Protein backbone atom coordinates (compact mmCIF):
# COMPACT_ATOMS: atom_id res chain seq x y z
CA VAL A 1 25.04 -11.80 -79.56
CA SER A 2 23.12 -10.91 -82.82
CA ALA A 3 23.37 -12.70 -86.01
CA SER A 4 25.09 -9.53 -87.49
CA GLN A 5 27.77 -9.49 -84.81
CA LYS A 6 28.48 -13.25 -85.13
CA HIS A 7 29.25 -12.71 -88.96
CA GLY A 8 31.06 -9.52 -88.62
CA SER A 9 28.24 -7.66 -90.50
CA PRO A 10 27.15 -3.97 -89.68
CA GLU A 11 24.63 -3.76 -86.57
CA GLY A 12 21.05 -4.91 -87.70
CA MET A 13 22.38 -6.52 -90.97
CA ASP A 14 23.00 -10.13 -91.73
CA PRO A 15 25.81 -11.30 -93.97
CA ASN A 16 23.85 -11.06 -97.09
CA GLY A 17 22.95 -7.32 -96.89
CA VAL A 18 19.32 -7.79 -95.47
CA ILE A 19 18.43 -5.79 -92.28
CA GLU A 20 17.10 -7.69 -89.18
CA SER A 21 13.69 -6.54 -88.04
CA ASN A 22 13.48 -5.05 -84.51
CA TRP A 23 9.88 -3.92 -84.77
CA ASN A 24 6.73 -6.12 -84.90
CA GLU A 25 3.73 -4.10 -84.26
CA ILE A 26 1.25 -3.98 -87.28
CA VAL A 27 -1.55 -1.58 -87.94
CA ASP A 28 -3.88 -2.54 -90.68
CA ASN A 29 -6.53 0.09 -90.43
CA SER A 30 -5.93 3.81 -90.68
CA ASP A 31 -8.49 4.29 -87.69
CA ASP A 32 -6.00 2.80 -85.33
CA THR A 33 -3.19 5.06 -86.18
CA ASN A 34 -4.35 8.14 -83.87
CA LEU A 35 -3.96 10.39 -86.93
CA LYS A 36 -5.76 13.72 -87.03
CA GLU A 37 -9.26 13.60 -88.49
CA SER A 38 -8.46 15.89 -91.33
CA LEU A 39 -5.63 13.75 -92.41
CA LEU A 40 -7.84 10.61 -92.07
CA ARG A 41 -10.39 12.43 -94.36
CA GLY A 42 -7.79 13.01 -97.02
CA ILE A 43 -6.64 9.27 -96.79
CA TYR A 44 -10.31 8.08 -97.19
CA ALA A 45 -10.98 10.49 -99.98
CA TYR A 46 -7.78 9.20 -101.85
CA ASP A 47 -9.18 5.87 -101.31
CA PHE A 48 -5.90 4.94 -99.69
CA GLU A 49 -5.66 1.54 -97.70
CA MET A 50 -2.76 0.17 -95.89
CA THR A 51 -2.72 -2.96 -97.85
CA SER A 52 0.93 -3.31 -98.10
CA ALA A 53 2.92 -5.07 -95.12
CA ILE A 54 5.65 -2.65 -95.25
CA GLN A 55 3.06 0.33 -94.60
CA GLN A 56 1.32 -1.59 -91.92
CA ARG A 57 4.67 -1.92 -89.89
CA ALA A 58 6.29 1.44 -90.83
CA ILE A 59 3.37 3.88 -89.79
CA ILE A 60 3.58 3.80 -86.09
CA PRO A 61 7.38 4.10 -85.58
CA CYS A 62 7.27 7.03 -88.00
CA ILE A 63 4.51 8.61 -86.29
CA LYS A 64 6.27 8.24 -82.93
CA GLY A 65 9.28 10.11 -84.25
CA TYR A 66 11.74 7.10 -84.52
CA ASP A 67 14.45 7.07 -87.07
CA VAL A 68 13.28 4.29 -89.44
CA ILE A 69 14.82 1.97 -91.98
CA ALA A 70 12.38 0.06 -94.21
CA GLN A 71 13.59 -2.46 -96.67
CA ALA A 72 11.00 -4.15 -99.08
CA GLN A 73 10.78 -4.53 -102.83
CA SER A 74 10.09 -1.42 -104.69
CA GLY A 75 6.59 -0.35 -105.20
CA THR A 76 5.00 1.09 -101.92
CA GLY A 77 4.00 5.78 -98.51
CA LYS A 78 4.48 13.25 -87.88
CA THR A 79 2.88 15.95 -87.30
CA LEU A 80 3.01 19.08 -89.51
CA GLU A 81 2.06 22.37 -87.87
CA ILE A 82 -0.29 23.58 -90.59
CA GLU A 83 -0.60 27.05 -89.21
CA PHE A 84 3.14 27.56 -89.51
CA LYS A 85 3.94 28.57 -92.84
CA GLU A 86 7.46 27.00 -92.92
CA THR A 87 9.05 23.97 -94.58
CA GLN A 88 8.91 21.08 -92.09
CA ALA A 89 9.52 18.08 -93.99
CA LEU A 90 12.00 17.12 -96.89
CA VAL A 91 11.63 14.25 -99.12
CA LEU A 92 14.44 13.05 -101.53
CA ALA A 93 13.57 10.87 -104.61
CA PRO A 94 15.88 9.65 -107.39
CA THR A 95 14.01 11.00 -110.34
CA ARG A 96 11.77 14.01 -111.32
CA GLU A 97 8.93 11.69 -112.27
CA LEU A 98 8.80 10.00 -108.73
CA ALA A 99 9.12 13.31 -107.13
CA GLN A 100 5.94 14.48 -108.84
CA GLN A 101 4.22 11.23 -107.97
CA ILE A 102 5.00 11.92 -104.23
CA GLN A 103 3.87 15.47 -104.43
CA LYS A 104 0.61 14.47 -105.88
CA ALA A 105 -0.05 11.94 -103.21
CA ILE A 106 0.74 14.27 -100.38
CA LEU A 107 -1.47 17.04 -101.74
CA ALA A 108 -4.19 14.59 -101.89
CA LEU A 109 -3.69 12.87 -98.55
CA GLY A 110 -3.15 16.24 -96.93
CA GLY A 111 -5.84 18.22 -98.77
CA TYR A 112 -8.32 18.45 -95.83
CA MET A 113 -5.47 19.65 -93.49
CA GLY A 114 -4.43 22.38 -95.81
CA ALA A 115 -0.96 20.89 -96.30
CA THR A 116 1.07 22.34 -99.05
CA CYS A 117 3.74 20.56 -101.07
CA HIS A 118 6.32 21.65 -103.79
CA ALA A 119 8.06 19.49 -106.13
CA CYS A 120 11.66 20.88 -106.94
CA ILE A 121 11.56 20.55 -110.67
CA GLY A 122 11.98 24.16 -111.81
CA GLY A 123 10.62 27.46 -110.48
CA THR A 124 10.12 28.50 -106.71
CA ASN A 125 7.37 29.26 -104.21
CA ALA A 126 6.80 32.66 -102.91
CA GLU A 127 5.55 31.10 -99.71
CA ALA A 128 7.26 28.17 -98.20
CA PRO A 129 5.45 24.96 -98.58
CA HIS A 130 5.05 22.52 -95.49
CA ILE A 131 6.64 19.65 -97.55
CA VAL A 132 9.26 19.89 -100.19
CA VAL A 133 10.12 16.82 -102.35
CA GLY A 134 12.73 16.75 -105.16
CA THR A 135 15.96 15.07 -106.58
CA PRO A 136 19.13 15.36 -104.50
CA GLY A 137 20.68 17.61 -107.08
CA ARG A 138 17.67 20.11 -107.28
CA VAL A 139 17.24 20.23 -103.38
CA PHE A 140 20.93 20.84 -102.91
CA ASP A 141 20.83 23.74 -105.27
CA MET A 142 17.89 25.29 -103.50
CA LEU A 143 19.49 25.02 -100.16
CA ASN A 144 22.57 26.62 -101.57
CA ARG A 145 20.72 29.47 -103.17
CA ARG A 146 18.71 29.91 -99.87
CA TYR A 147 15.37 29.35 -101.74
CA LEU A 148 14.73 26.55 -99.21
CA SER A 149 15.43 27.12 -95.53
CA PRO A 150 16.46 23.97 -93.41
CA LYS A 151 15.76 25.75 -90.14
CA TRP A 152 12.40 24.33 -89.23
CA ILE A 153 12.64 20.84 -91.27
CA LYS A 154 12.18 18.09 -88.62
CA MET A 155 11.64 15.17 -90.93
CA PHE A 156 13.82 13.94 -93.74
CA VAL A 157 12.77 11.08 -96.12
CA LEU A 158 14.97 9.27 -98.48
CA ASP A 159 12.86 7.32 -100.96
CA GLU A 160 14.47 4.58 -102.93
CA ALA A 161 17.75 5.40 -101.27
CA ASP A 162 19.62 2.41 -103.09
CA GLU A 163 18.61 4.01 -106.35
CA MET A 164 19.54 7.54 -105.51
CA LEU A 165 23.11 6.42 -104.47
CA SER A 166 23.81 4.14 -107.51
CA CYS A 167 22.99 7.33 -109.58
CA GLY A 168 25.83 9.10 -107.98
CA PHE A 169 23.86 11.41 -105.67
CA LYS A 170 25.97 10.35 -102.71
CA ASP A 171 27.99 13.54 -102.11
CA GLN A 172 24.81 15.75 -102.61
CA ILE A 173 22.79 13.57 -100.03
CA TYR A 174 25.62 14.02 -97.53
CA GLU A 175 25.88 17.73 -98.13
CA ILE A 176 22.15 18.04 -97.65
CA PHE A 177 22.45 16.19 -94.35
CA GLN A 178 25.09 18.48 -93.08
CA LYS A 179 22.74 21.54 -93.57
CA LEU A 180 19.91 19.93 -91.68
CA ASN A 181 19.26 19.97 -87.90
CA THR A 182 21.20 17.32 -85.96
CA SER A 183 17.86 16.25 -84.13
CA ILE A 184 16.03 15.63 -87.35
CA GLN A 185 14.00 12.28 -87.85
CA VAL A 186 15.26 10.36 -90.63
CA VAL A 187 13.21 7.78 -92.64
CA LEU A 188 15.05 5.79 -95.13
CA LEU A 189 13.18 3.44 -97.75
CA SER A 190 15.26 0.93 -99.82
CA ALA A 191 14.76 -2.20 -101.77
CA THR A 192 18.39 -3.34 -101.11
CA MET A 193 21.05 -2.35 -98.63
CA PRO A 194 24.38 -1.88 -100.42
CA THR A 195 27.45 -0.61 -98.49
CA ASP A 196 26.61 3.03 -99.58
CA VAL A 197 23.12 2.91 -97.82
CA LEU A 198 24.65 1.24 -94.83
CA GLU A 199 26.88 4.21 -94.46
CA VAL A 200 24.02 6.71 -94.61
CA THR A 201 22.24 4.82 -91.80
CA LYS A 202 25.44 4.58 -89.72
CA ASN A 203 26.54 8.03 -90.01
CA PHE A 204 23.08 9.86 -89.86
CA MET A 205 20.50 7.83 -87.96
CA ARG A 206 20.20 7.31 -84.30
CA ASP A 207 19.12 3.60 -83.10
CA PRO A 208 16.92 3.28 -86.20
CA ILE A 209 13.80 1.06 -86.07
CA ARG A 210 14.56 -1.61 -88.76
CA ILE A 211 11.65 -3.10 -90.73
CA LEU A 212 12.28 -5.94 -93.33
CA PHE A 213 9.16 -7.24 -95.67
CA TYR A 214 9.52 -10.53 -97.26
CA ILE A 215 7.34 -13.34 -98.38
CA ASN A 216 8.15 -16.66 -96.88
CA VAL A 217 6.54 -19.81 -98.28
CA GLU A 218 6.89 -22.71 -96.08
CA ARG A 219 5.85 -25.50 -98.48
CA GLU A 220 6.69 -26.23 -102.15
CA GLU A 221 3.19 -26.78 -103.02
CA TRP A 222 2.14 -23.42 -101.80
CA LYS A 223 4.44 -21.30 -104.11
CA LEU A 224 2.07 -21.59 -107.14
CA ASP A 225 -0.88 -20.35 -105.10
CA THR A 226 1.22 -17.53 -103.72
CA LEU A 227 2.56 -16.55 -107.32
CA CYS A 228 -0.93 -16.39 -108.78
CA ASP A 229 -2.11 -14.36 -105.72
CA LEU A 230 0.88 -12.01 -106.69
CA TYR A 231 0.06 -11.85 -110.28
CA GLU A 232 -1.71 -8.67 -110.51
CA THR A 233 1.17 -6.79 -108.62
CA LEU A 234 3.61 -8.52 -111.27
CA THR A 235 1.55 -6.94 -114.16
CA SER A 236 1.52 -3.61 -112.56
CA TYR A 237 5.39 -3.34 -112.72
CA LYS A 238 6.90 -2.70 -116.17
CA GLN A 239 8.17 -6.38 -116.52
CA ALA A 240 9.00 -9.15 -114.05
CA VAL A 241 11.30 -12.25 -114.31
CA ILE A 242 10.79 -15.35 -112.49
CA PHE A 243 13.81 -17.56 -111.99
CA LEU A 244 13.78 -21.40 -111.30
CA ASN A 245 16.73 -23.83 -110.85
CA THR A 246 15.73 -26.32 -113.75
CA ARG A 247 14.50 -26.21 -117.36
CA CYS A 248 11.79 -29.03 -116.33
CA LYS A 249 10.43 -26.60 -113.45
CA VAL A 250 10.21 -23.59 -115.97
CA ASP A 251 8.06 -25.73 -118.28
CA SER A 252 5.96 -27.23 -115.37
CA LEU A 253 5.38 -23.66 -113.87
CA THR A 254 4.51 -22.16 -117.26
CA GLU A 255 2.08 -24.89 -118.01
CA LYS A 256 0.36 -24.39 -114.55
CA MET A 257 0.06 -20.67 -114.97
CA HIS A 258 -1.39 -21.12 -118.62
CA ALA A 259 -4.02 -23.58 -117.17
CA ARG A 260 -5.04 -20.93 -114.71
CA ASP A 261 -5.34 -18.41 -117.58
CA PHE A 262 -2.36 -16.31 -116.44
CA THR A 263 -0.18 -14.98 -119.44
CA VAL A 264 3.54 -15.68 -118.91
CA SER A 265 6.41 -16.40 -121.28
CA ALA A 266 9.07 -19.06 -120.85
CA LEU A 267 12.74 -19.17 -121.85
CA HIS A 268 15.36 -21.98 -121.19
CA GLY A 269 18.27 -23.68 -122.92
CA ASP A 270 16.42 -26.52 -124.47
CA MET A 271 14.75 -24.13 -126.81
CA ASP A 272 16.31 -23.51 -130.15
CA GLN A 273 17.92 -20.03 -130.91
CA LYS A 274 15.26 -18.88 -133.19
CA GLU A 275 12.28 -19.44 -130.57
CA ARG A 276 14.40 -17.82 -127.91
CA ASP A 277 15.11 -14.69 -130.04
CA VAL A 278 11.16 -14.46 -130.59
CA ILE A 279 10.46 -14.72 -127.09
CA MET A 280 13.11 -12.10 -126.10
CA ARG A 281 11.90 -9.81 -128.75
CA GLU A 282 8.43 -9.94 -127.54
CA PHE A 283 9.72 -9.18 -123.72
CA ARG A 284 11.97 -6.46 -124.74
CA SER A 285 9.07 -4.84 -126.77
CA GLY A 286 6.91 -5.05 -123.72
CA SER A 287 4.25 -7.31 -125.40
CA SER A 288 5.22 -9.92 -122.86
CA HIS A 289 5.25 -8.78 -119.16
CA VAL A 290 6.25 -11.96 -117.13
CA LEU A 291 9.19 -14.06 -118.13
CA ILE A 292 9.92 -17.47 -116.46
CA THR A 293 13.53 -18.67 -116.92
CA THR A 294 16.70 -20.38 -115.61
CA ASP A 295 19.97 -19.17 -114.23
CA LEU A 296 21.49 -20.37 -117.53
CA LEU A 297 19.95 -17.43 -119.33
CA ALA A 298 20.15 -15.02 -116.50
CA ARG A 299 23.12 -13.15 -118.24
CA GLU A 300 21.29 -13.04 -121.58
CA ILE A 301 18.34 -10.96 -120.08
CA ASP A 302 19.30 -7.29 -120.50
CA VAL A 303 16.00 -5.54 -120.34
CA GLN A 304 15.91 -2.06 -118.89
CA GLN A 305 12.14 -2.22 -118.29
CA VAL A 306 12.63 -5.18 -115.72
CA SER A 307 11.66 -3.81 -112.44
CA LEU A 308 10.92 -6.85 -110.42
CA VAL A 309 12.58 -10.23 -110.05
CA ILE A 310 11.26 -13.29 -108.32
CA ASN A 311 13.29 -16.14 -106.98
CA TYR A 312 10.59 -18.99 -107.18
CA ASP A 313 13.55 -21.28 -106.42
CA LEU A 314 16.34 -19.95 -104.31
CA PRO A 315 19.44 -19.77 -106.28
CA THR A 316 22.18 -22.37 -105.71
CA ASN A 317 25.04 -19.99 -104.93
CA ARG A 318 25.62 -16.29 -104.11
CA GLY A 319 27.04 -15.67 -107.68
CA ASN A 320 23.77 -16.86 -109.30
CA TYR A 321 21.84 -14.62 -106.96
CA ILE A 322 23.75 -11.51 -108.03
CA HIS A 323 23.26 -12.25 -111.75
CA ARG A 324 19.45 -12.70 -111.11
CA ILE A 325 18.99 -9.43 -109.37
CA GLY A 326 21.19 -7.65 -111.78
CA ARG A 327 18.49 -8.22 -114.39
CA VAL A 328 16.55 -5.26 -112.71
CA GLY A 329 16.84 -2.09 -114.97
């Protein structure tokens, strides 16, 4: 009996909404993927390396045609018949900006293959592109107007699925699914697995490969080195919040980070209100990118630019966990 069944959770899901991985094969080099030489040329020209753990785990099941659920924190990328001038892959993204970023990456990676990609942000293509990417609303509209034909689409990718569903795109996503071939390959990428996302996986995916990526630090003294290794990743996000369980640990971690020449800010209840206001003003303005704090102040942090939360210490209860991750804008 699986852990999910013991706790009455959906198949492949633990009680906390985290998927249980059922795929362990890792590929850390593009040469080991058996991709076409023309695609590999595009990958190398784009200077793309499979450095993220989720990419290393997801690439093979995607190539083999499995339905795939990949759960990892935000921030990370089948065969097209190039001679066949019809749309063969459809990608949904929550925003126009992300759709354009995906289009740019696809055109760069597939340039030597002659792959074409259209971002649904206005206008139509005279000739059907191999890949279409867009927001659910725009793609749904194009399908309804028959500017986009679903007939030859064999791969459907939902990027940042949790974000799309939280933005109210659920009905449109379901309508799009209904218009696609029943045998289509579905790849779902999501940072979290709320109920809405689980419904999608249950209704539209067939025995999906589940891939979860997380960082497990076995000893307390290794946490600091791990955090320092991740610092460049932290600063590539708009802003990040690191939670600890005590004020003393906030001060200690801040001092250790400063001693290693890392720029971080600290916030906790022992500081007077004036000092806290200054720190929060700097964080909200973007002049400070990484904030170290405690659960006591989790509710006070309401910054839309926060895109990453790190639990340096595990929260003491589920309520604190919800308040921590709720800081992500």
